[in-house]
Amino acid sequence: MSLTPTVYEIATAAFMAKYTVESASSGQGSYSKAGAVAEQAFSAIRTVAAFGGQKRETKAYVKHLDDAYKTGSKKAIVTGAG
């Protein structure tokens, strides 16, 4: 057994590193968007409540959180496979 890494090991490590960085930034972007939706809704809570926009704001918030969840799930699979 050799101590030098094989081409397969190097390629796998490079792929995992690249995908981990990309998915982390994508996940952070989704959380940032969800936070912006929540901040906007809270700052205009009277208007949102007056016009019955709770469901719409909740859908927008949950959509961004779902995107972050999907990204995190894919990242976990890639990390676990490595």
Foldseek 3Di string as FASTA:
>chain_A
DDPDDDPVVVVLVVVLVVLLVVLVVQLVVLVVQLVVLVVVCVVPVVVCVVVVVPVVSVVSNVVSVVSSVVSVVVNVVSVVVD
